[in-house]
Amino acid sequence: MTSALDAGRRTMRLEAESVAAAAARLDARFERAVELLASGGRVIVSGIGKSGVIAQKIAATLTSTGTAATYLHPIESLHGDLGLVDADSVAIVLSKSGETEELVGLLAELARRAVPLIAIVGAVDSTLGRAATVALDGAVAEEACPHDLAPTTSTTVALALGDALAVALLERKGFRREDFAAL
């Protein structure tokens, strides 16, 4: 059995390495995602399970840095909450597998409404990745969980990609310290 210290160090090492690998994979797709966010209206951020928790944090970060953003639960979206989505919306949808069944209805509605879709996904060739206007590669070699089950490394990478989008967007918009204080 490993010590708590060893488990903690292994987790942090795996997550740091995974974030660094994701940063190295950033390319023109990232720039296109920032363009979409800068040219759109409200940002709709969605995911289910742990990806949903990360989506909520990304929406909160975007909002506090000058971009109107709302978390939309994929199931609730099909029960009246699609009213959040308007003609100028841009969506960010998170999923490790890109095959999450609960996202299918939301993806169909976003496509029907011609909402540009940015995917943060662990498999860019997945259903979500193919449906996206831009698919950002959030793949990880393994989760920090010793059983490779609990979302740990994958959620850290998704969070880092969301933060990277928010920071690139705020810089592009000229968002200042004074603007943050005003919010």
Foldseek 3Di string as FASTA:
>chain_A
DDDPVVLVVLQVVQLVVLLVVLVVPDDVLLVVVLVLQLQFAEEEEEEDDLSLVLSQVLQVLLVLLPGHYDYDYLQVCVVPPVVVDDLRYAYEYEDAALAPPSNVVVLVVCVVSVHAYEYAYCDLPHPNNVSHPGYRHLHGPAHSPPVRPDHRSSSSNVNSSSVVSSVVNSVVVVRDPVNSVVD
